[in-house]
Amino acid sequence: MARSSALAGRSSTLGFGSGGVLIAEIVDLSWNGRAVDMIEVTNMDSDGEYKEFITGMRDGGNLAVALNFTRDEYEDFIGGLESTDPEDYELDLQSGDVFELTGFVVNVDVVADLADEVICRVDIKVTGDPEP
C-alpha cells in the first residue's frame, strides 16, 4: 500500500531574509503561488470561433500570514508597510523545501474576536521572481 507524501504545515517557518529572524507565532500561511497574464490576440484570421492567447507578464503572487498578535511582530510589519523598499523573506516547509521571496507589506490588520486569540493578519505582495 502506498503511503502519502503529504506534509503537515505545523513545522513551516517564515523569516526575514535568508536564514534571518523567524516571524513568531504564525498560525496560518497562504501563498497563492505564481500566475501569468494572458493576452488575447484573436483576429480575423483566427481559426474557428475560438479566441487565441499568448502569455504576458508573470506575477509572483501574494503571501498571507496570520499570527498571534505580539507588539514586536506588529511593529516589524508596520515598518514594512511604511517602507518604500521591499523586504526579503524565506519560507521553509517541513520537507526542507525553501522559497526565497521579496515583497512589500501591503496590509496589516489586527483582529480581536470575543472568543478567540488576537490575530495579526499581514498581506505581502511578492515582487520579482520567487526562487524555489
Foldseek 3Di string as FASTA:
>chain_A
DDDDPDADQVPKWKAWPDVHHTQPAWDDKDWPAKDWDWDWDDDPPDPDPDTDIDTDDMFGTKMKIKGQDDPVNLVVLVVLQPDPAWTWMWIAGPVRDIKIFTWGWNDWDWDDDPPDGIMIMIMTGTDDDIDD
